[in-house]
Amino acid sequence: AVDKAFDGKLATVLETLGASGAEGEVTKLPAPAGLKVPVVVAVGL
């Protein structure tokens, strides 16, 4: 649902911000209008 709110481009946006998905990596970004939360936190698995 979060990816959909980013028009299916969440991974692309995060990669642009330097995220790779590496373990322990944390990236914060403003949530788009389709979500009720102000912040999305992507964490590497």
ModelCIF file with pLDDT and N, C-alpha, C, O atoms, coordinates in Angstrom:
data_MODEL
#
_entry.id   MODEL 
#
_entity.id                         1 
_entity.type                       polymer 
_entity.pdbx_number_of_molecules   1 
#
_entity_poly.entity_id                      1 
_entity_poly.type                           'polypeptide(L)' 
_entity_poly.nstd_linkage                   no 
_entity_poly.nstd_monomer                   no 
_entity_poly.pdbx_seq_one_letter_code       AVDKAFDGKLATVLETLGASGAEGEVTKLPAPAGLKVPVVVAVGL 
_entity_poly.pdbx_seq_one_letter_code_can   AVDKAFDGKLATVLETLGASGAEGEVTKLPAPAGLKVPVVVAVGL 
_entity_poly.pdbx_strand_id                 A 
#
loop_
_entity_poly_seq.entity_id 
_entity_poly_seq.num 
_entity_poly_seq.mon_id 
_entity_poly_seq.hetero 
1 1  ALA n 
1 2  VAL n 
1 3  ASP n 
1 4  LYS n 
1 5  ALA n 
1 6  PHE n 
1 7  ASP n 
1 8  GLY n 
1 9  LYS n 
1 10 LEU n 
1 11 ALA n 
1 12 THR n 
1 13 VAL n 
1 14 LEU n 
1 15 GLU n 
1 16 THR n 
1 17 LEU n 
1 18 GLY n 
1 19 ALA n 
1 20 SER n 
1 21 GLY n 
1 22 ALA n 
1 23 GLU n 
1 24 GLY n 
1 25 GLU n 
1 26 VAL n 
1 27 THR n 
1 28 LYS n 
1 29 LEU n 
1 30 PRO n 
1 31 ALA n 
1 32 PRO n 
1 33 ALA n 
1 34 GLY n 
1 35 LEU n 
1 36 LYS n 
1 37 VAL n 
1 38 PRO n 
1 39 VAL n 
1 40 VAL n 
1 41 VAL n 
1 42 ALA n 
1 43 VAL n 
1 44 GLY n 
1 45 LEU n 
#
_struct_asym.id          A 
_struct_asym.entity_id   1 
#
loop_
_ma_qa_metric.id 
_ma_qa_metric.mode 
_ma_qa_metric.name 
_ma_qa_metric.software_group_id 
_ma_qa_metric.type 
1 global pLDDT . pLDDT 
2 local  pLDDT . pLDDT 
#
_ma_qa_metric_global.metric_id      1 
_ma_qa_metric_global.metric_value   96.11 
_ma_qa_metric_global.model_id       1 
_ma_qa_metric_global.ordinal_id     1 
#
loop_
_ma_qa_metric_local.label_asym_id 
_ma_qa_metric_local.label_comp_id 
_ma_qa_metric_local.label_seq_id 
_ma_qa_metric_local.metric_id 
_ma_qa_metric_local.metric_value 
_ma_qa_metric_local.model_id 
_ma_qa_metric_local.ordinal_id 
A ALA 1  2 94.00 1 1  
A VAL 2  2 96.00 1 2  
A ASP 3  2 96.00 1 3  
A LYS 4  2 96.00 1 4  
A ALA 5  2 96.00 1 5  
A PHE 6  2 96.00 1 6  
A ASP 7  2 96.00 1 7  
A GLY 8  2 96.00 1 8  
A LYS 9  2 96.00 1 9  
A LEU 10 2 97.00 1 10 
A ALA 11 2 97.00 1 11 
A THR 12 2 97.00 1 12 
A VAL 13 2 97.00 1 13 
A LEU 14 2 97.00 1 14 
A GLU 15 2 96.00 1 15 
A THR 16 2 96.00 1 16 
A LEU 17 2 96.00 1 17 
A GLY 18 2 96.00 1 18 
A ALA 19 2 97.00 1 19 
A SER 20 2 96.00 1 20 
A GLY 21 2 96.00 1 21 
A ALA 22 2 96.00 1 22 
A GLU 23 2 95.00 1 23 
A GLY 24 2 90.00 1 24 
A GLU 25 2 97.00 1 25 
A VAL 26 2 98.00 1 26 
A THR 27 2 98.00 1 27 
A LYS 28 2 97.00 1 28 
A LEU 29 2 96.00 1 29 
A PRO 30 2 97.00 1 30 
A ALA 31 2 96.00 1 31 
A PRO 32 2 95.00 1 32 
A ALA 33 2 91.00 1 33 
A GLY 34 2 90.00 1 34 
A LEU 35 2 95.00 1 35 
A LYS 36 2 95.00 1 36 
A VAL 37 2 97.00 1 37 
A PRO 38 2 97.00 1 38 
A VAL 39 2 98.00 1 39 
A VAL 40 2 98.00 1 40 
A VAL 41 2 98.00 1 41 
A ALA 42 2 98.00 1 42 
A VAL 43 2 98.00 1 43 
A GLY 44 2 98.00 1 44 
A LEU 45 2 97.00 1 45 
#
loop_
_atom_site.group_PDB 
_atom_site.id 
_atom_site.type_symbol 
_atom_site.label_atom_id 
_atom_site.label_alt_id 
_atom_site.label_comp_id 
_atom_site.label_asym_id 
_atom_site.label_entity_id 
_atom_site.label_seq_id 
_atom_site.pdbx_PDB_ins_code 
_atom_site.Cartn_x 
_atom_site.Cartn_y 
_atom_site.Cartn_z 
_atom_site.occupancy 
_atom_site.B_iso_or_equiv 
_atom_site.pdbx_formal_charge 
_atom_site.auth_seq_id 
_atom_site.auth_comp_id 
_atom_site.auth_asym_id 
_atom_site.auth_atom_id 
_atom_site.pdbx_PDB_model_num 
ATOM 1   N N  . ALA A 1 1  ? 0.831  -1.211 0.000  1.00 94.00 ? 1  ALA A N  1 
ATOM 2   C CA . ALA A 1 1  ? 0.000  0.000  0.000  1.00 94.00 ? 1  ALA A CA 1 
ATOM 3   C C  . ALA A 1 1  ? 0.867  1.263  0.000  1.00 94.00 ? 1  ALA A C  1 
ATOM 4   O O  . ALA A 1 1  ? 0.501  2.279  -0.592 1.00 94.00 ? 1  ALA A O  1 
ATOM 5   N N  . VAL A 1 2  ? 2.006  1.186  0.664  1.00 96.00 ? 2  VAL A N  1 
ATOM 6   C CA . VAL A 1 2  ? 2.919  2.336  0.707  1.00 96.00 ? 2  VAL A CA 1 
ATOM 7   C C  . VAL A 1 2  ? 3.543  2.550  -0.671 1.00 96.00 ? 2  VAL A C  1 
ATOM 8   O O  . VAL A 1 2  ? 3.659  3.678  -1.150 1.00 96.00 ? 2  VAL A O  1 
ATOM 9   N N  . ASP A 1 3  ? 3.940  1.447  -1.293 1.00 96.00 ? 3  ASP A N  1 
ATOM 10  C CA . ASP A 1 3  ? 4.507  1.537  -2.642 1.00 96.00 ? 3  ASP A CA 1 
ATOM 11  C C  . ASP A 1 3  ? 3.483  2.119  -3.611 1.00 96.00 ? 3  ASP A C  1 
ATOM 12  O O  . ASP A 1 3  ? 3.834  2.924  -4.474 1.00 96.00 ? 3  ASP A O  1 
ATOM 13  N N  . LYS A 1 4  ? 2.236  1.722  -3.476 1.00 96.00 ? 4  LYS A N  1 
ATOM 14  C CA . LYS A 1 4  ? 1.168  2.245  -4.337 1.00 96.00 ? 4  LYS A CA 1 
ATOM 15  C C  . LYS A 1 4  ? 1.016  3.743  -4.154 1.00 96.00 ? 4  LYS A C  1 
ATOM 16  O O  . LYS A 1 4  ? 0.789  4.473  -5.119 1.00 96.00 ? 4  LYS A O  1 
ATOM 17  N N  . ALA A 1 5  ? 1.144  4.209  -2.897 1.00 96.00 ? 5  ALA A N  1 
ATOM 18  C CA . ALA A 1 5  ? 1.027  5.649  -2.624 1.00 96.00 ? 5  ALA A CA 1 
ATOM 19  C C  . ALA A 1 5  ? 2.154  6.437  -3.293 1.00 96.00 ? 5  ALA A C  1 
ATOM 20  O O  . ALA A 1 5  ? 2.012  7.627  -3.574 1.00 96.00 ? 5  ALA A O  1 
ATOM 21  N N  . PHE A 1 6  ? 3.283  5.752  -3.543 1.00 96.00 ? 6  PHE A N  1 
ATOM 22  C CA . PHE A 1 6  ? 4.398  6.373  -4.261 1.00 96.00 ? 6  PHE A CA 1 
ATOM 23  C C  . PHE A 1 6  ? 4.341  6.066  -5.756 1.00 96.00 ? 6  PHE A C  1 
ATOM 24  O O  . PHE A 1 6  ? 5.344  6.180  -6.462 1.00 96.00 ? 6  PHE A O  1 
ATOM 25  N N  . ASP A 1 7  ? 3.151  5.675  -6.232 1.00 96.00 ? 7  ASP A N  1 
ATOM 26  C CA . ASP A 1 7  ? 2.934  5.344  -7.650 1.00 96.00 ? 7  ASP A CA 1 
ATOM 27  C C  . ASP A 1 7  ? 3.851  4.212  -8.115 1.00 96.00 ? 7  ASP A C  1 
ATOM 28  O O  . ASP A 1 7  ? 4.300  4.184  -9.261 1.00 96.00 ? 7  ASP A O  1 
ATOM 29  N N  . GLY A 1 8  ? 4.118  3.276  -7.192 1.00 96.00 ? 8  GLY A N  1 
ATOM 30  C CA . GLY A 1 8  ? 4.940  2.124  -7.535 1.00 96.00 ? 8  GLY A CA 1 
ATOM 31  C C  . GLY A 1 8  ? 6.411  2.425  -7.661 1.00 96.00 ? 8  GLY A C  1 
ATOM 32  O O  . GLY A 1 8  ? 7.170  1.600  -8.171 1.00 96.00 ? 8  GLY A O  1 
ATOM 33  N N  . LYS A 1 9  ? 6.831  3.590  -7.205 1.00 96.00 ? 9  LYS A N  1 
ATOM 34  C CA . LYS A 1 9  ? 8.223  4.018  -7.373 1.00 96.00 ? 9  LYS A CA 1 
ATOM 35  C C  . LYS A 1 9  ? 8.970  4.181  -6.040 1.00 96.00 ? 9  LYS A C  1 
ATOM 36  O O  . LYS A 1 9  ? 9.975  4.889  -5.973 1.00 96.00 ? 9  LYS A O  1 
ATOM 37  N N  . LEU A 1 10 ? 8.472  3.517  -4.976 1.00 97.00 ? 10 LEU A N  1 
ATOM 38  C CA . LEU A 1 10 ? 9.109  3.668  -3.666 1.00 97.00 ? 10 LEU A CA 1 
ATOM 39  C C  . LEU A 1 10 ? 10.572 3.229  -3.707 1.00 97.00 ? 10 LEU A C  1 
ATOM 40  O O  . LEU A 1 10 ? 11.442 3.930  -3.189 1.00 97.00 ? 10 LEU A O  1 
ATOM 41  N N  . ALA A 1 11 ? 10.851 2.073  -4.319 1.00 97.00 ? 11 ALA A N  1 
ATOM 42  C CA . ALA A 1 11 ? 12.227 1.580  -4.390 1.00 97.00 ? 11 ALA A CA 1 
ATOM 43  C C  . ALA A 1 11 ? 13.120 2.554  -5.157 1.00 97.00 ? 11 ALA A C  1 
ATOM 44  O O  . ALA A 1 11 ? 14.269 2.782  -4.778 1.00 97.00 ? 11 ALA A O  1 
ATOM 45  N N  . THR A 1 12 ? 12.590 3.121  -6.228 1.00 97.00 ? 12 THR A N  1 
ATOM 46  C CA . THR A 1 12 ? 13.364 4.068  -7.029 1.00 97.00 ? 12 THR A CA 1 
ATOM 47  C C  . THR A 1 12 ? 13.689 5.333  -6.237 1.00 97.00 ? 12 THR A C  1 
ATOM 48  O O  . THR A 1 12 ? 14.811 5.838  -6.270 1.00 97.00 ? 12 THR A O  1 
ATOM 49  N N  . VAL A 1 13 ? 12.664 5.836  -5.517 1.00 97.00 ? 13 VAL A N  1 
ATOM 50  C CA . VAL A 1 13 ? 12.874 7.034  -4.699 1.00 97.00 ? 13 VAL A CA 1 
ATOM 51  C C  . VAL A 1 13 ? 13.924 6.768  -3.629 1.00 97.00 ? 13 VAL A C  1 
ATOM 52  O O  . VAL A 1 13 ? 14.806 7.598  -3.403 1.00 97.00 ? 13 VAL A O  1 
ATOM 53  N N  . LEU A 1 14 ? 13.836 5.620  -2.970 1.00 97.00 ? 14 LEU A N  1 
ATOM 54  C CA . LEU A 1 14 ? 14.787 5.281  -1.914 1.00 97.00 ? 14 LEU A CA 1 
ATOM 55  C C  . LEU A 1 14 ? 16.195 5.105  -2.465 1.00 97.00 ? 14 LEU A C  1 
ATOM 56  O O  . LEU A 1 14 ? 17.167 5.516  -1.832 1.00 97.00 ? 14 LEU A O  1 
ATOM 57  N N  . GLU A 1 15 ? 16.308 4.492  -3.645 1.00 96.00 ? 15 GLU A N  1 
ATOM 58  C CA . GLU A 1 15 ? 17.621 4.319  -4.261 1.00 96.00 ? 15 GLU A CA 1 
ATOM 59  C C  . GLU A 1 15 ? 18.232 5.681  -4.602 1.00 96.00 ? 15 GLU A C  1 
ATOM 60  O O  . GLU A 1 15 ? 19.439 5.882  -4.474 1.00 96.00 ? 15 GLU A O  1 
ATOM 61  N N  . THR A 1 16 ? 17.387 6.603  -5.034 1.00 96.00 ? 16 THR A N  1 
ATOM 62  C CA . THR A 1 16 ? 17.859 7.957  -5.331 1.00 96.00 ? 16 THR A CA 1 
ATOM 63  C C  . THR A 1 16 ? 18.417 8.623  -4.082 1.00 96.00 ? 16 THR A C  1 
ATOM 64  O O  . THR A 1 16 ? 19.342 9.432  -4.155 1.00 96.00 ? 16 THR A O  1 
ATOM 65  N N  . LEU A 1 17 ? 17.839 8.269  -2.922 1.00 96.00 ? 17 LEU A N  1 
ATOM 66  C CA . LEU A 1 17 ? 18.296 8.835  -1.648 1.00 96.00 ? 17 LEU A CA 1 
ATOM 67  C C  . LEU A 1 17 ? 19.505 8.094  -1.075 1.00 96.00 ? 17 LEU A C  1 
ATOM 68  O O  . LEU A 1 17 ? 20.007 8.439  -0.006 1.00 96.00 ? 17 LEU A O  1 
ATOM 69  N N  . GLY A 1 18 ? 19.960 7.080  -1.795 1.00 96.00 ? 18 GLY A N  1 
ATOM 70  C CA . GLY A 1 18 ? 21.157 6.355  -1.367 1.00 96.00 ? 18 GLY A CA 1 
ATOM 71  C C  . GLY A 1 18 ? 20.884 5.035  -0.678 1.00 96.00 ? 18 GLY A C  1 
ATOM 72  O O  . GLY A 1 18 ? 21.827 4.357  -0.269 1.00 96.00 ? 18 GLY A O  1 
ATOM 73  N N  . ALA A 1 19 ? 19.631 4.648  -0.534 1.00 97.00 ? 19 ALA A N  1 
ATOM 74  C CA . ALA A 1 19 ? 19.305 3.386  0.127  1.00 97.00 ? 19 ALA A CA 1 
ATOM 75  C C  . ALA A 1 19 ? 19.590 2.202  -0.790 1.00 97.00 ? 19 ALA A C  1 
ATOM 76  O O  . ALA A 1 19 ? 19.397 2.280  -2.004 1.00 97.00 ? 19 ALA A O  1 
ATOM 77  N N  . SER A 1 20 ? 20.046 1.120  -0.201 1.00 96.00 ? 20 SER A N  1 
ATOM 78  C CA . SER A 1 20 ? 20.363 -0.084 -0.976 1.00 96.00 ? 20 SER A CA 1 
ATOM 79  C C  . SER A 1 20 ? 19.639 -1.326 -0.483 1.00 96.00 ? 20 SER A C  1 
ATOM 80  O O  . SER A 1 20 ? 19.595 -2.345 -1.172 1.00 96.00 ? 20 SER A O  1 
ATOM 81  N N  . GLY A 1 21 ? 19.067 -1.237 0.723  1.00 96.00 ? 21 GLY A N  1 
ATOM 82  C CA . GLY A 1 21 ? 18.446 -2.414 1.317  1.00 96.00 ? 21 GLY A CA 1 
ATOM 83  C C  . GLY A 1 21 ? 19.391 -3.203 2.194  1.00 96.00 ? 21 GLY A C  1 
ATOM 84  O O  . GLY A 1 21 ? 19.046 -4.285 2.669  1.00 96.00 ? 21 GLY A O  1 
ATOM 85  N N  . ALA A 1 22 ? 20.587 -2.669 2.414  1.00 96.00 ? 22 ALA A N  1 
ATOM 86  C CA . ALA A 1 22 ? 21.565 -3.356 3.266  1.00 96.00 ? 22 ALA A CA 1 
ATOM 87  C C  . ALA A 1 22 ? 21.055 -3.438 4.696  1.00 96.00 ? 22 ALA A C  1 
ATOM 88  O O  . ALA A 1 22 ? 20.327 -2.560 5.160  1.00 96.00 ? 22 ALA A O  1 
ATOM 89  N N  . GLU A 1 23 ? 21.444 -4.494 5.384  1.00 95.00 ? 23 GLU A N  1 
ATOM 90  C CA . GLU A 1 23 ? 20.982 -4.726 6.758  1.00 95.00 ? 23 GLU A CA 1 
ATOM 91  C C  . GLU A 1 23 ? 21.281 -3.534 7.664  1.00 95.00 ? 23 GLU A C  1 
ATOM 92  O O  . GLU A 1 23 ? 22.404 -3.029 7.691  1.00 95.00 ? 23 GLU A O  1 
ATOM 93  N N  . GLY A 1 24 ? 20.263 -3.091 8.406  1.00 90.00 ? 24 GLY A N  1 
ATOM 94  C CA . GLY A 1 24 ? 20.424 -2.017 9.377  1.00 90.00 ? 24 GLY A CA 1 
ATOM 95  C C  . GLY A 1 24 ? 20.339 -0.620 8.817  1.00 90.00 ? 24 GLY A C  1 
ATOM 96  O O  . GLY A 1 24 ? 20.340 0.349  9.575  1.00 90.00 ? 24 GLY A O  1 
ATOM 97  N N  . GLU A 1 25 ? 20.264 -0.493 7.509  1.00 97.00 ? 25 GLU A N  1 
ATOM 98  C CA . GLU A 1 25 ? 20.190 0.823  6.867  1.00 97.00 ? 25 GLU A CA 1 
ATOM 99  C C  . GLU A 1 25 ? 18.812 1.441  7.104  1.00 97.00 ? 25 GLU A C  1 
ATOM 100 O O  . GLU A 1 25 ? 17.794 0.779  6.901  1.00 97.00 ? 25 GLU A O  1 
ATOM 101 N N  . VAL A 1 26 ? 18.774 2.694  7.528  1.00 98.00 ? 26 VAL A N  1 
ATOM 102 C CA . VAL A 1 26 ? 17.507 3.376  7.808  1.00 98.00 ? 26 VAL A CA 1 
ATOM 103 C C  . VAL A 1 26 ? 17.430 4.654  6.973  1.00 98.00 ? 26 VAL A C  1 
ATOM 104 O O  . VAL A 1 26 ? 18.344 5.478  6.990  1.00 98.00 ? 26 VAL A O  1 
ATOM 105 N N  . THR A 1 27 ? 16.331 4.799  6.248  1.00 98.00 ? 27 THR A N  1 
ATOM 106 C CA . THR A 1 27 ? 16.115 5.983  5.412  1.00 98.00 ? 27 THR A CA 1 
ATOM 107 C C  . THR A 1 27 ? 14.736 6.546  5.705  1.00 98.00 ? 27 THR A C  1 
ATOM 108 O O  . THR A 1 27 ? 13.738 5.832  5.610  1.00 98.00 ? 27 THR A O  1 
ATOM 109 N N  . LYS A 1 28 ? 14.676 7.821  6.060  1.00 97.00 ? 28 LYS A N  1 
ATOM 110 C CA . LYS A 1 28 ? 13.399 8.477  6.323  1.00 97.00 ? 28 LYS A CA 1 
ATOM 111 C C  . LYS A 1 28 ? 13.040 9.382  5.143  1.00 97.00 ? 28 LYS A C  1 
ATOM 112 O O  . LYS A 1 28 ? 13.913 10.028 4.563  1.00 97.00 ? 28 LYS A O  1 
ATOM 113 N N  . LEU A 1 29 ? 11.742 9.427  4.787  1.00 96.00 ? 29 LEU A N  1 
ATOM 114 C CA . LEU A 1 29 ? 11.285 10.329 3.737  1.00 96.00 ? 29 LEU A CA 1 
ATOM 115 C C  . LEU A 1 29 ? 9.849  10.755 4.010  1.00 96.00 ? 29 LEU A C  1 
ATOM 116 O O  . LEU A 1 29 ? 9.091  10.014 4.636  1.00 96.00 ? 29 LEU A O  1 
ATOM 117 N N  . PRO A 1 30 ? 9.471  11.931 3.550  1.00 97.00 ? 30 PRO A N  1 
ATOM 118 C CA . PRO A 1 30 ? 8.102  12.412 3.773  1.00 97.00 ? 30 PRO A CA 1 
ATOM 119 C C  . PRO A 1 30 ? 7.105  11.496 3.085  1.00 97.00 ? 30 PRO A C  1 
ATOM 120 O O  . PRO A 1 30 ? 7.351  11.008 1.982  1.00 97.00 ? 30 PRO A O  1 
ATOM 121 N N  . ALA A 1 31 ? 5.989  11.270 3.739  1.00 96.00 ? 31 ALA A N  1 
ATOM 122 C CA . ALA A 1 31 ? 4.951  10.423 3.152  1.00 96.00 ? 31 ALA A CA 1 
ATOM 123 C C  . ALA A 1 31 ? 4.145  11.203 2.114  1.00 96.00 ? 31 ALA A C  1 
ATOM 124 O O  . ALA A 1 31 ? 3.919  12.402 2.276  1.00 96.00 ? 31 ALA A O  1 
ATOM 125 N N  . PRO A 1 32 ? 3.714  10.530 1.056  1.00 95.00 ? 32 PRO A N  1 
ATOM 126 C CA . PRO A 1 32 ? 2.884  11.202 0.048  1.00 95.00 ? 32 PRO A CA 1 
ATOM 127 C C  . PRO A 1 32 ? 1.449  11.388 0.549  1.00 95.00 ? 32 PRO A C  1 
ATOM 128 O O  . PRO A 1 32 ? 1.096  10.925 1.633  1.00 95.00 ? 32 PRO A O  1 
ATOM 129 N N  . ALA A 1 33 ? 0.641  12.059 -0.239 1.00 91.00 ? 33 ALA A N  1 
ATOM 130 C CA . ALA A 1 33 ? -0.731 12.404 0.167  1.00 91.00 ? 33 ALA A CA 1 
ATOM 131 C C  . ALA A 1 33 ? -1.607 11.188 0.418  1.00 91.00 ? 33 ALA A C  1 
ATOM 132 O O  . ALA A 1 33 ? -2.581 11.287 1.164  1.00 91.00 ? 33 ALA A O  1 
ATOM 133 N N  . GLY A 1 34 ? -1.298 10.058 -0.173 1.00 90.00 ? 34 GLY A N  1 
ATOM 134 C CA . GLY A 1 34 ? -2.147 8.881  -0.019 1.00 90.00 ? 34 GLY A CA 1 
ATOM 135 C C  . GLY A 1 34 ? -2.037 8.175  1.314  1.00 90.00 ? 34 GLY A C  1 
ATOM 136 O O  . GLY A 1 34 ? -2.774 7.223  1.568  1.00 90.00 ? 34 GLY A O  1 
ATOM 137 N N  . LEU A 1 35 ? -1.125 8.625  2.178  1.00 95.00 ? 35 LEU A N  1 
ATOM 138 C CA . LEU A 1 35 ? -0.947 7.999  3.487  1.00 95.00 ? 35 LEU A CA 1 
ATOM 139 C C  . LEU A 1 35 ? -1.362 8.955  4.598  1.00 95.00 ? 35 LEU A C  1 
ATOM 140 O O  . LEU A 1 35 ? -1.319 10.174 4.429  1.00 95.00 ? 35 LEU A O  1 
ATOM 141 N N  . LYS A 1 36 ? -1.764 8.395  5.733  1.00 95.00 ? 36 LYS A N  1 
ATOM 142 C CA . LYS A 1 36 ? -2.186 9.213  6.887  1.00 95.00 ? 36 LYS A CA 1 
ATOM 143 C C  . LYS A 1 36 ? -1.020 9.559  7.809  1.00 95.00 ? 36 LYS A C  1 
ATOM 144 O O  . LYS A 1 36 ? -1.160 10.400 8.696  1.00 95.00 ? 36 LYS A O  1 
ATOM 145 N N  . VAL A 1 37 ? 0.134  8.913  7.605  1.00 97.00 ? 37 VAL A N  1 
ATOM 146 C CA . VAL A 1 37 ? 1.312  9.196  8.434  1.00 97.00 ? 37 VAL A CA 1 
ATOM 147 C C  . VAL A 1 37 ? 2.156  10.280 7.776  1.00 97.00 ? 37 VAL A C  1 
ATOM 148 O O  . VAL A 1 37 ? 2.123  10.423 6.554  1.00 97.00 ? 37 VAL A O  1 
ATOM 149 N N  . PRO A 1 38 ? 2.914  11.050 8.561  1.00 97.00 ? 38 PRO A N  1 
ATOM 150 C CA . PRO A 1 38 ? 3.750  12.094 7.967  1.00 97.00 ? 38 PRO A CA 1 
ATOM 151 C C  . PRO A 1 38 ? 5.096  11.594 7.447  1.00 97.00 ? 38 PRO A C  1 
ATOM 152 O O  . PRO A 1 38 ? 5.707  12.230 6.588  1.00 97.00 ? 38 PRO A O  1 
ATOM 153 N N  . VAL A 1 39 ? 5.560  10.448 7.970  1.00 98.00 ? 39 VAL A N  1 
ATOM 154 C CA . VAL A 1 39 ? 6.908  9.974  7.647  1.00 98.00 ? 39 VAL A CA 1 
ATOM 155 C C  . VAL A 1 39 ? 6.891  8.479  7.341  1.00 98.00 ? 39 VAL A C  1 
ATOM 156 O O  . VAL A 1 39 ? 6.216  7.699  8.013  1.00 98.00 ? 39 VAL A O  1 
ATOM 157 N N  . VAL A 1 40 ? 7.642  8.099  6.320  1.00 98.00 ? 40 VAL A N  1 
ATOM 158 C CA . VAL A 1 40 ? 7.878  6.688  6.019  1.00 98.00 ? 40 VAL A CA 1 
ATOM 159 C C  . VAL A 1 40 ? 9.330  6.376  6.366  1.00 98.00 ? 40 VAL A C  1 
ATOM 160 O O  . VAL A 1 40 ? 10.240 7.117  5.994  1.00 98.00 ? 40 VAL A O  1 
ATOM 161 N N  . VAL A 1 41 ? 9.537  5.283  7.077  1.00 98.00 ? 41 VAL A N  1 
ATOM 162 C CA . VAL A 1 41 ? 10.885 4.855  7.457  1.00 98.00 ? 41 VAL A CA 1 
ATOM 163 C C  . VAL A 1 41 ? 11.170 3.526  6.778  1.00 98.00 ? 41 VAL A C  1 
ATOM 164 O O  . VAL A 1 41 ? 10.542 2.512  7.081  1.00 98.00 ? 41 VAL A O  1 
ATOM 165 N N  . ALA A 1 42 ? 12.126 3.544  5.857  1.00 98.00 ? 42 ALA A N  1 
ATOM 166 C CA . ALA A 1 42 ? 12.517 2.310  5.170  1.00 98.00 ? 42 ALA A CA 1 
ATOM 167 C C  . ALA A 1 42 ? 13.747 1.735  5.865  1.00 98.00 ? 42 ALA A C  1 
ATOM 168 O O  . ALA A 1 42 ? 14.741 2.431  6.073  1.00 98.00 ? 42 ALA A O  1 
ATOM 169 N N  . VAL A 1 43 ? 13.666 0.460  6.217  1.00 98.00 ? 43 VAL A N  1 
ATOM 170 C CA . VAL A 1 43 ? 14.771 -0.176 6.938  1.00 98.00 ? 43 VAL A CA 1 
ATOM 171 C C  . VAL A 1 43 ? 15.272 -1.374 6.142  1.00 98.00 ? 43 VAL A C  1 
ATOM 172 O O  . VAL A 1 43 ? 14.481 -2.158 5.619  1.00 98.00 ? 43 VAL A O  1 
ATOM 173 N N  . GLY A 1 44 ? 16.591 -1.509 6.054  1.00 98.00 ? 44 GLY A N  1 
ATOM 174 C CA . GLY A 1 44 ? 17.194 -2.573 5.268  1.00 98.00 ? 44 GLY A CA 1 
ATOM 175 C C  . GLY A 1 44 ? 17.053 -3.942 5.903  1.00 98.00 ? 44 GLY A C  1 
ATOM 176 O O  . GLY A 1 44 ? 17.260 -4.111 7.104  1.00 98.00 ? 44 GLY A O  1 
ATOM 177 N N  . LEU A 1 45 ? 16.695 -4.926 5.070  1.00 97.00 ? 45 LEU A N  1 
ATOM 178 C CA . LEU A 1 45 ? 16.544 -6.311 5.526  1.00 97.00 ? 45 LEU A CA 1 
ATOM 179 C C  . LEU A 1 45 ? 17.684 -7.199 5.061  1.00 97.00 ? 45 LEU A C  1 
ATOM 180 O O  . LEU A 1 45 ? 17.700 -8.392 5.364  1.00 97.00 ? 45 LEU A O  1 
#
